[in-house]
Amino acid sequence: MPSGFFSMFKKRTQYDEHIIATNDINTNKISNLIGDKILEIRVLQITSSKDYLDYNLTYIVLEKNGAIYFPVIGEDSFVNVKLHKSAKPLSERFSVNVYGQTIKNIYSSSDNIDSSSIIELENGYILYEKRVSPHGALGANLYVFPKKEFRKRVKKMKLHSLNSI
């Protein structure tokens, strides 16, 4: 992994003003998200020409587990958060395929340099967050794909299911 990869996490001050944790990080296991229903998704996009990067932070509001950030690979647990007032709702085009759906599985991949988990919904749609992108490239965002389309895009990526762990 390139040494510069982790440098983006040193700039957490970019996110600090938006993070308000409301519980202990060790109390909620990522595996508890499987089987939970998505009630709402909000996306906060932060553009910064200062450090040449754009950031995306996705909030998922779940029926049983409350509001969380989109899971990151390697995290064993999650924290509940308050939605930032500037976070925008998922567009209607995508929300019809996401809201009310249950999380079927969560995947990680060692090939995934963006470090976000991949969430599979019971209706076959896939949620994937690209958290950081070069400024102006419009890459930092939440992506919603039908499973077939997602498989085409990541043919060579090895996915590891949370259900099989």
C-alpha atoms as a PDB file:
ATOM      1  CA  MET A   1       0.000   0.000   0.000  1.00  0.00           C
ATOM      2  CA  PRO A   2       1.453   3.410  -0.876  1.00  0.00           C
ATOM      3  CA  SER A   3       2.741   5.445   2.066  1.00  0.00           C
ATOM      4  CA  GLY A   4       0.566   8.391   1.045  1.00  0.00           C
ATOM      5  CA  PHE A   5      -2.607   6.306   1.348  1.00  0.00           C
ATOM      6  CA  PHE A   6      -3.003   6.810   5.096  1.00  0.00           C
ATOM      7  CA  SER A   7      -2.176  10.510   4.880  1.00  0.00           C
ATOM      8  CA  MET A   8      -5.833  11.210   4.026  1.00  0.00           C
ATOM      9  CA  PHE A   9      -6.803   9.977   7.502  1.00  0.00           C
ATOM     10  CA  LYS A  10      -4.387  12.412   9.146  1.00  0.00           C
ATOM     11  CA  LYS A  11      -6.545  15.180   7.717  1.00  0.00           C
ATOM     12  CA  ARG A  12      -9.520  14.088   9.812  1.00  0.00           C
ATOM     13  CA  THR A  13      -9.999  17.721  10.765  1.00  0.00           C
ATOM     14  CA  GLN A  14     -11.851  17.957   7.449  1.00  0.00           C
ATOM     15  CA  TYR A  15     -14.529  15.702   9.002  1.00  0.00           C
ATOM     16  CA  ASP A  16     -14.219  16.642  12.676  1.00  0.00           C
ATOM     17  CA  GLU A  17     -16.780  19.439  12.532  1.00  0.00           C
ATOM     18  CA  HIS A  18     -19.306  16.970  11.084  1.00  0.00           C
ATOM     19  CA  ILE A  19     -18.792  14.071  13.512  1.00  0.00           C
ATOM     20  CA  ILE A  20     -20.834  13.865  16.672  1.00  0.00           C
ATOM     21  CA  ALA A  21     -20.587  10.343  18.089  1.00  0.00           C
ATOM     22  CA  THR A  22     -23.402   9.435  20.456  1.00  0.00           C
ATOM     23  CA  ASN A  23     -22.248   6.064  21.795  1.00  0.00           C
ATOM     24  CA  ASP A  24     -19.175   3.962  22.585  1.00  0.00           C
ATOM     25  CA  ILE A  25     -17.386   2.626  19.496  1.00  0.00           C
ATOM     26  CA  ASN A  26     -16.978  -0.823  21.077  1.00  0.00           C
ATOM     27  CA  THR A  27     -20.683  -1.518  21.625  1.00  0.00           C
ATOM     28  CA  ASN A  28     -21.992  -2.052  18.084  1.00  0.00           C
ATOM     29  CA  LYS A  29     -20.556  -4.778  15.866  1.00  0.00           C
ATOM     30  CA  ILE A  30     -20.642  -4.342  12.085  1.00  0.00           C
ATOM     31  CA  SER A  31     -22.313  -7.762  11.790  1.00  0.00           C
ATOM     32  CA  ASN A  32     -25.388  -6.266  13.555  1.00  0.00           C
ATOM     33  CA  LEU A  33     -26.048  -4.202  10.416  1.00  0.00           C
ATOM     34  CA  ILE A  34     -26.952  -7.322   8.414  1.00  0.00           C
ATOM     35  CA  GLY A  35     -30.725  -7.739   8.430  1.00  0.00           C
ATOM     36  CA  ASP A  36     -31.385  -4.097   9.334  1.00  0.00           C
ATOM     37  CA  LYS A  37     -33.663  -1.961   7.153  1.00  0.00           C
ATOM     38  CA  ILE A  38     -32.487   1.284   5.514  1.00  0.00           C
ATOM     39  CA  LEU A  39     -34.844   4.148   6.324  1.00  0.00           C
ATOM     40  CA  GLU A  40     -32.852   7.023   4.859  1.00  0.00           C
ATOM     41  CA  ILE A  41     -29.488   7.918   3.353  1.00  0.00           C
ATOM     42  CA  ARG A  42     -27.911  11.366   3.376  1.00  0.00           C
ATOM     43  CA  VAL A  43     -24.695  12.427   1.669  1.00  0.00           C
ATOM     44  CA  LEU A  44     -22.336  15.205   2.740  1.00  0.00           C
ATOM     45  CA  GLN A  45     -19.920  16.303   0.039  1.00  0.00           C
ATOM     46  CA  ILE A  46     -16.980  18.515   0.948  1.00  0.00           C
ATOM     47  CA  THR A  47     -14.929  20.015  -1.854  1.00  0.00           C
ATOM     48  CA  SER A  48     -11.533  21.451  -1.104  1.00  0.00           C
ATOM     49  CA  SER A  49      -9.258  22.994  -3.681  1.00  0.00           C
ATOM     50  CA  LYS A  50      -6.841  23.715  -0.814  1.00  0.00           C
ATOM     51  CA  ASP A  51      -5.639  20.108  -0.524  1.00  0.00           C
ATOM     52  CA  TYR A  52      -6.744  19.061  -4.043  1.00  0.00           C
ATOM     53  CA  LEU A  53      -9.199  16.487  -2.726  1.00  0.00           C
ATOM     54  CA  ASP A  54     -12.970  16.138  -2.556  1.00  0.00           C
ATOM     55  CA  TYR A  55     -14.561  14.185   0.286  1.00  0.00           C
ATOM     56  CA  ASN A  56     -17.834  12.299   0.627  1.00  0.00           C
ATOM     57  CA  LEU A  57     -19.423  11.193   3.869  1.00  0.00           C
ATOM     58  CA  THR A  58     -22.513   8.974   3.678  1.00  0.00           C
ATOM     59  CA  TYR A  59     -24.948   8.692   6.570  1.00  0.00           C
ATOM     60  CA  ILE A  60     -27.213   5.637   6.687  1.00  0.00           C
ATOM     61  CA  VAL A  61     -30.274   5.718   8.956  1.00  0.00           C
ATOM     62  CA  LEU A  62     -31.277   2.186   9.947  1.00  0.00           C
ATOM     63  CA  GLU A  63     -34.436   0.894  11.615  1.00  0.00           C
ATOM     64  CA  LYS A  64     -32.688  -0.963  14.477  1.00  0.00           C
ATOM     65  CA  ASN A  65     -29.223   0.597  14.636  1.00  0.00           C
ATOM     66  CA  GLY A  66     -29.961   4.298  14.093  1.00  0.00           C
ATOM     67  CA  ALA A  67     -27.769   6.711  12.098  1.00  0.00           C
ATOM     68  CA  ILE A  68     -24.256   5.541  11.183  1.00  0.00           C
ATOM     69  CA  TYR A  69     -21.506   6.381   8.710  1.00  0.00           C
ATOM     70  CA  PHE A  70     -21.000   4.116   5.701  1.00  0.00           C
ATOM     71  CA  PRO A  71     -18.764   1.287   7.047  1.00  0.00           C
ATOM     72  CA  VAL A  72     -15.047   1.281   6.270  1.00  0.00           C
ATOM     73  CA  ILE A  73     -13.080  -1.931   5.593  1.00  0.00           C
ATOM     74  CA  GLY A  74     -11.388  -3.230   8.711  1.00  0.00           C
ATOM     75  CA  GLU A  75     -13.821  -1.675  11.170  1.00  0.00           C
ATOM     76  CA  ASP A  76     -15.261  -4.208  13.604  1.00  0.00           C
ATOM     77  CA  SER A  77     -17.779  -1.818  15.094  1.00  0.00           C
ATOM     78  CA  PHE A  78     -19.698   1.341  14.342  1.00  0.00           C
ATOM     79  CA  VAL A  79     -20.819   4.430  16.217  1.00  0.00           C
ATOM     80  CA  ASN A  80     -24.143   6.182  16.047  1.00  0.00           C
ATOM     81  CA  VAL A  81     -23.917   9.723  14.748  1.00  0.00           C
ATOM     82  CA  LYS A  82     -26.103  12.779  14.305  1.00  0.00           C
ATOM     83  CA  LEU A  83     -26.833  13.788  10.732  1.00  0.00           C
ATOM     84  CA  HIS A  84     -25.039  16.925   9.632  1.00  0.00           C
ATOM     85  CA  LYS A  85     -27.467  19.689   8.663  1.00  0.00           C
ATOM     86  CA  SER A  86     -25.774  20.088   5.242  1.00  0.00           C
ATOM     87  CA  ALA A  87     -26.065  16.395   4.327  1.00  0.00           C
ATOM     88  CA  LYS A  88     -28.410  16.008   1.368  1.00  0.00           C
ATOM     89  CA  PRO A  89     -30.931  13.186   0.899  1.00  0.00           C
ATOM     90  CA  LEU A  90     -30.334  10.494  -1.687  1.00  0.00           C
ATOM     91  CA  SER A  91     -31.957  11.429  -4.993  1.00  0.00           C
ATOM     92  CA  GLU A  92     -35.353   9.911  -5.767  1.00  0.00           C
ATOM     93  CA  ARG A  93     -33.820   8.107  -8.744  1.00  0.00           C
ATOM     94  CA  PHE A  94     -31.795   5.947  -6.354  1.00  0.00           C
ATOM     95  CA  SER A  95     -33.859   6.085  -3.167  1.00  0.00           C
ATOM     96  CA  VAL A  96     -36.662   3.973  -4.701  1.00  0.00           C
ATOM     97  CA  ASN A  97     -34.186   1.063  -4.915  1.00  0.00           C
ATOM     98  CA  VAL A  98     -32.662   1.628  -1.478  1.00  0.00           C
ATOM     99  CA  TYR A  99     -35.170   2.920   1.099  1.00  0.00           C
ATOM    100  CA  GLY A 100     -37.029   0.162   2.892  1.00  0.00           C
ATOM    101  CA  GLN A 101     -34.506  -2.463   1.787  1.00  0.00           C
ATOM    102  CA  THR A 102     -32.749  -4.804   4.196  1.00  0.00           C
ATOM    103  CA  ILE A 103     -28.974  -5.187   4.268  1.00  0.00           C
ATOM    104  CA  LYS A 104     -28.298  -8.713   2.989  1.00  0.00           C
ATOM    105  CA  ASN A 105     -24.508  -8.721   3.241  1.00  0.00           C
ATOM    106  CA  ILE A 106     -21.446  -6.546   3.709  1.00  0.00           C
ATOM    107  CA  TYR A 107     -18.281  -7.179   1.710  1.00  0.00           C
ATOM    108  CA  SER A 108     -14.718  -6.034   1.930  1.00  0.00           C
ATOM    109  CA  SER A 109     -11.909  -6.372  -0.559  1.00  0.00           C
ATOM    110  CA  SER A 110      -8.163  -6.126  -0.226  1.00  0.00           C
ATOM    111  CA  ASP A 111      -8.235  -4.806  -3.818  1.00  0.00           C
ATOM    112  CA  ASN A 112     -10.402  -1.849  -2.799  1.00  0.00           C
ATOM    113  CA  ILE A 113      -8.059   1.113  -2.397  1.00  0.00           C
ATOM    114  CA  ASP A 114     -10.895   3.430  -1.339  1.00  0.00           C
ATOM    115  CA  SER A 115     -11.343   1.480   1.918  1.00  0.00           C
ATOM    116  CA  SER A 116     -15.143   1.511   1.888  1.00  0.00           C
ATOM    117  CA  SER A 117     -17.165  -1.607   2.466  1.00  0.00           C
ATOM    118  CA  ILE A 118     -19.633  -2.799  -0.142  1.00  0.00           C
ATOM    119  CA  ILE A 119     -23.237  -3.262   1.002  1.00  0.00           C
ATOM    120  CA  GLU A 120     -25.579  -5.695  -0.757  1.00  0.00           C
ATOM    121  CA  LEU A 121     -29.311  -5.132  -0.330  1.00  0.00           C
ATOM    122  CA  GLU A 122     -31.950  -7.858  -0.386  1.00  0.00           C
ATOM    123  CA  ASN A 123     -33.269  -6.591  -3.760  1.00  0.00           C
ATOM    124  CA  GLY A 124     -29.842  -7.133  -5.353  1.00  0.00           C
ATOM    125  CA  TYR A 125     -28.686  -3.520  -5.408  1.00  0.00           C
ATOM    126  CA  ILE A 126     -25.172  -2.667  -4.247  1.00  0.00           C
ATOM    127  CA  LEU A 127     -24.121   0.441  -2.284  1.00  0.00           C
ATOM    128  CA  TYR A 128     -20.537   1.596  -2.525  1.00  0.00           C
ATOM    129  CA  GLU A 129     -19.001   4.793  -1.199  1.00  0.00           C
ATOM    130  CA  LYS A 130     -15.928   6.435  -2.669  1.00  0.00           C
ATOM    131  CA  ARG A 131     -14.886   8.690   0.195  1.00  0.00           C
ATOM    132  CA  VAL A 132     -11.997  10.619  -1.402  1.00  0.00           C
ATOM    133  CA  SER A 133     -11.320  11.777  -4.950  1.00  0.00           C
ATOM    134  CA  PRO A 134      -9.059  14.310  -6.690  1.00  0.00           C
ATOM    135  CA  HIS A 135     -10.657  17.758  -6.591  1.00  0.00           C
ATOM    136  CA  GLY A 136     -13.033  18.342  -9.486  1.00  0.00           C
ATOM    137  CA  ALA A 137     -13.048  14.714 -10.698  1.00  0.00           C
ATOM    138  CA  LEU A 138     -16.573  14.174  -9.274  1.00  0.00           C
ATOM    139  CA  GLY A 139     -15.546  10.739  -8.001  1.00  0.00           C
ATOM    140  CA  ALA A 140     -16.195  11.159  -4.264  1.00  0.00           C
ATOM    141  CA  ASN A 141     -19.800  10.004  -3.916  1.00  0.00           C
ATOM    142  CA  LEU A 142     -22.179   7.202  -2.971  1.00  0.00           C
ATOM    143  CA  TYR A 143     -22.795   4.775  -5.840  1.00  0.00           C
ATOM    144  CA  VAL A 144     -25.878   2.588  -6.253  1.00  0.00           C
ATOM    145  CA  PHE A 145     -25.615  -0.275  -8.768  1.00  0.00           C
ATOM    146  CA  PRO A 146     -27.733  -3.261  -9.723  1.00  0.00           C
ATOM    147  CA  LYS A 147     -25.711  -6.357  -8.745  1.00  0.00           C
ATOM    148  CA  LYS A 148     -25.156  -7.383 -12.382  1.00  0.00           C
ATOM    149  CA  GLU A 149     -23.701  -3.947 -13.258  1.00  0.00           C
ATOM    150  CA  PHE A 150     -21.511  -3.959 -10.152  1.00  0.00           C
ATOM    151  CA  ARG A 151     -20.103  -7.410 -11.013  1.00  0.00           C
ATOM    152  CA  LYS A 152     -19.128  -6.135 -14.494  1.00  0.00           C
ATOM    153  CA  ARG A 153     -17.223  -3.228 -12.944  1.00  0.00           C
ATOM    154  CA  VAL A 154     -15.317  -5.309 -10.395  1.00  0.00           C
ATOM    155  CA  LYS A 155     -14.727  -8.609 -12.233  1.00  0.00           C
ATOM    156  CA  LYS A 156     -11.223  -9.087 -10.856  1.00  0.00           C
ATOM    157  CA  MET A 157     -11.885  -7.765  -7.367  1.00  0.00           C
ATOM    158  CA  LYS A 158     -11.935 -10.472  -4.694  1.00  0.00           C
ATOM    159  CA  LEU A 159     -14.827  -9.847  -2.321  1.00  0.00           C
ATOM    160  CA  HIS A 160     -14.881 -11.171   1.243  1.00  0.00           C
ATOM    161  CA  SER A 161     -18.316 -11.597   2.800  1.00  0.00           C
ATOM    162  CA  LEU A 162     -18.967 -10.607   6.392  1.00  0.00           C
ATOM    163  CA  ASN A 163     -21.506 -13.465   6.506  1.00  0.00           C
ATOM    164  CA  SER A 164     -18.772 -16.035   5.876  1.00  0.00           C
ATOM    165  CA  ILE A 165     -16.519 -14.808   8.683  1.00  0.00           C
END
